[in-house]
Amino acid sequence: MERFNKEIEVGTETRVFEFTRMKNVNGVKFFITSKDENKKPISFSLQKKESDWKLMPGSLRWLYDIESQLSDAIIDTRLQ
């Protein structure tokens, strides 16, 4: 299992997202944890779709606003 953290701006604040790479029979995905604006823990996943990483259906709406930044964080980390 591979892990890394990334700070991403959400609205007017910067939040820390912890990425954990997981592999199973369905392929590779990243399980991500963070905290929402009320400091409540949240978790969600991204799965590879073509050259990008996409949110799994049912994710919180505000996450779609930062989906490309989340995908870029994975791509940038995988290149190092």
C-alpha atoms as a PDB file:
ATOM      1  CA  MET A   1       0.000   0.000   0.000  1.00  0.00           C
ATOM      2  CA  GLU A   2       1.289   3.403  -0.962  1.00  0.00           C
ATOM      3  CA  ARG A   3       0.306   6.641   0.825  1.00  0.00           C
ATOM      4  CA  PHE A   4       0.887  10.349   0.387  1.00  0.00           C
ATOM      5  CA  ASN A   5      -0.655  13.643   1.519  1.00  0.00           C
ATOM      6  CA  LYS A   6      -1.515  16.672  -0.595  1.00  0.00           C
ATOM      7  CA  GLU A   7      -2.760  20.130   0.379  1.00  0.00           C
ATOM      8  CA  ILE A   8      -5.520  21.394  -1.926  1.00  0.00           C
ATOM      9  CA  GLU A   9      -7.416  24.681  -1.817  1.00  0.00           C
ATOM     10  CA  VAL A  10     -11.129  24.265  -1.281  1.00  0.00           C
ATOM     11  CA  GLY A  11     -12.933  27.577  -1.484  1.00  0.00           C
ATOM     12  CA  THR A  12     -11.044  29.929   0.833  1.00  0.00           C
ATOM     13  CA  GLU A  13      -9.181  27.311   2.859  1.00  0.00           C
ATOM     14  CA  THR A  14      -6.450  24.744   2.331  1.00  0.00           C
ATOM     15  CA  ARG A  15      -7.247  21.171   3.344  1.00  0.00           C
ATOM     16  CA  VAL A  16      -4.995  18.135   3.657  1.00  0.00           C
ATOM     17  CA  PHE A  17      -6.044  15.049   1.700  1.00  0.00           C
ATOM     18  CA  GLU A  18      -4.482  11.659   2.499  1.00  0.00           C
ATOM     19  CA  PHE A  19      -4.276   9.315  -0.493  1.00  0.00           C
ATOM     20  CA  THR A  20      -3.963   5.538  -0.093  1.00  0.00           C
ATOM     21  CA  ARG A  21      -3.378   3.363  -3.177  1.00  0.00           C
ATOM     22  CA  MET A  22      -5.352   0.122  -3.163  1.00  0.00           C
ATOM     23  CA  LYS A  23      -5.429  -2.731  -5.658  1.00  0.00           C
ATOM     24  CA  ASN A  24      -8.099  -5.412  -5.965  1.00  0.00           C
ATOM     25  CA  VAL A  25      -9.764  -7.526  -8.653  1.00  0.00           C
ATOM     26  CA  ASN A  26     -11.375  -4.371 -10.107  1.00  0.00           C
ATOM     27  CA  GLY A  27      -8.013  -2.665 -10.576  1.00  0.00           C
ATOM     28  CA  VAL A  28      -6.288   0.187  -8.785  1.00  0.00           C
ATOM     29  CA  LYS A  29      -8.058   2.962  -6.924  1.00  0.00           C
ATOM     30  CA  PHE A  30      -7.099   5.629  -4.429  1.00  0.00           C
ATOM     31  CA  PHE A  31      -8.996   5.831  -1.145  1.00  0.00           C
ATOM     32  CA  ILE A  32      -8.859   9.432   0.119  1.00  0.00           C
ATOM     33  CA  THR A  33      -9.608  10.901   3.534  1.00  0.00           C
ATOM     34  CA  SER A  34      -9.873  14.509   4.653  1.00  0.00           C
ATOM     35  CA  LYS A  35     -12.151  16.793   6.692  1.00  0.00           C
ATOM     36  CA  ASP A  36     -15.034  18.942   5.500  1.00  0.00           C
ATOM     37  CA  GLU A  37     -15.683  22.600   6.372  1.00  0.00           C
ATOM     38  CA  ASN A  38     -17.059  21.516   9.776  1.00  0.00           C
ATOM     39  CA  LYS A  39     -13.905  19.434  10.489  1.00  0.00           C
ATOM     40  CA  LYS A  40     -15.955  16.247  10.058  1.00  0.00           C
ATOM     41  CA  PRO A  41     -13.949  13.317   8.614  1.00  0.00           C
ATOM     42  CA  ILE A  42     -14.863  12.343   5.062  1.00  0.00           C
ATOM     43  CA  SER A  43     -13.693   9.597   2.748  1.00  0.00           C
ATOM     44  CA  PHE A  44     -14.110   8.863  -0.936  1.00  0.00           C
ATOM     45  CA  SER A  45     -12.352   7.100  -3.817  1.00  0.00           C
ATOM     46  CA  LEU A  46     -10.955   7.861  -7.247  1.00  0.00           C
ATOM     47  CA  GLN A  47     -10.592   5.266  -9.975  1.00  0.00           C
ATOM     48  CA  LYS A  48      -8.554   5.460 -13.170  1.00  0.00           C
ATOM     49  CA  LYS A  49     -10.547   6.396 -16.287  1.00  0.00           C
ATOM     50  CA  GLU A  50      -8.379   6.621 -19.397  1.00  0.00           C
ATOM     51  CA  SER A  51      -5.562   9.073 -18.526  1.00  0.00           C
ATOM     52  CA  ASP A  52      -7.287  10.721 -15.531  1.00  0.00           C
ATOM     53  CA  TRP A  53      -8.592   9.679 -12.129  1.00  0.00           C
ATOM     54  CA  LYS A  54     -12.328  10.161 -11.552  1.00  0.00           C
ATOM     55  CA  LEU A  55     -14.523  10.255  -8.456  1.00  0.00           C
ATOM     56  CA  MET A  56     -16.622   7.195  -7.769  1.00  0.00           C
ATOM     57  CA  PRO A  57     -20.398   7.712  -8.155  1.00  0.00           C
ATOM     58  CA  GLY A  58     -22.061   9.007  -4.997  1.00  0.00           C
ATOM     59  CA  SER A  59     -19.232  11.352  -3.982  1.00  0.00           C
ATOM     60  CA  LEU A  60     -20.040  14.640  -2.260  1.00  0.00           C
ATOM     61  CA  ARG A  61     -20.916  17.380  -4.743  1.00  0.00           C
ATOM     62  CA  TRP A  62     -18.201  19.833  -3.681  1.00  0.00           C
ATOM     63  CA  LEU A  63     -15.547  17.204  -4.467  1.00  0.00           C
ATOM     64  CA  TYR A  64     -16.367  17.481  -8.183  1.00  0.00           C
ATOM     65  CA  ASP A  65     -15.108  21.099  -8.047  1.00  0.00           C
ATOM     66  CA  ILE A  66     -11.632  19.818  -7.134  1.00  0.00           C
ATOM     67  CA  GLU A  67     -11.715  16.499  -9.022  1.00  0.00           C
ATOM     68  CA  SER A  68      -9.037  17.589 -11.516  1.00  0.00           C
ATOM     69  CA  GLN A  69      -6.733  18.732  -8.673  1.00  0.00           C
ATOM     70  CA  LEU A  70      -7.179  15.374  -6.946  1.00  0.00           C
ATOM     71  CA  SER A  71      -6.401  13.575 -10.205  1.00  0.00           C
ATOM     72  CA  ASP A  72      -3.340  15.777 -10.808  1.00  0.00           C
ATOM     73  CA  ALA A  73      -2.072  15.002  -7.283  1.00  0.00           C
ATOM     74  CA  ILE A  74      -2.121  11.288  -8.101  1.00  0.00           C
ATOM     75  CA  ILE A  75      -0.522  11.744 -11.526  1.00  0.00           C
ATOM     76  CA  ASP A  76       2.210  14.058 -10.174  1.00  0.00           C
ATOM     77  CA  THR A  77       3.047  11.697  -7.315  1.00  0.00           C
ATOM     78  CA  ARG A  78       3.137   8.644  -9.586  1.00  0.00           C
ATOM     79  CA  LEU A  79       5.712  10.350 -11.825  1.00  0.00           C
ATOM     80  CA  GLN A  80       8.183  10.888  -8.975  1.00  0.00           C
END
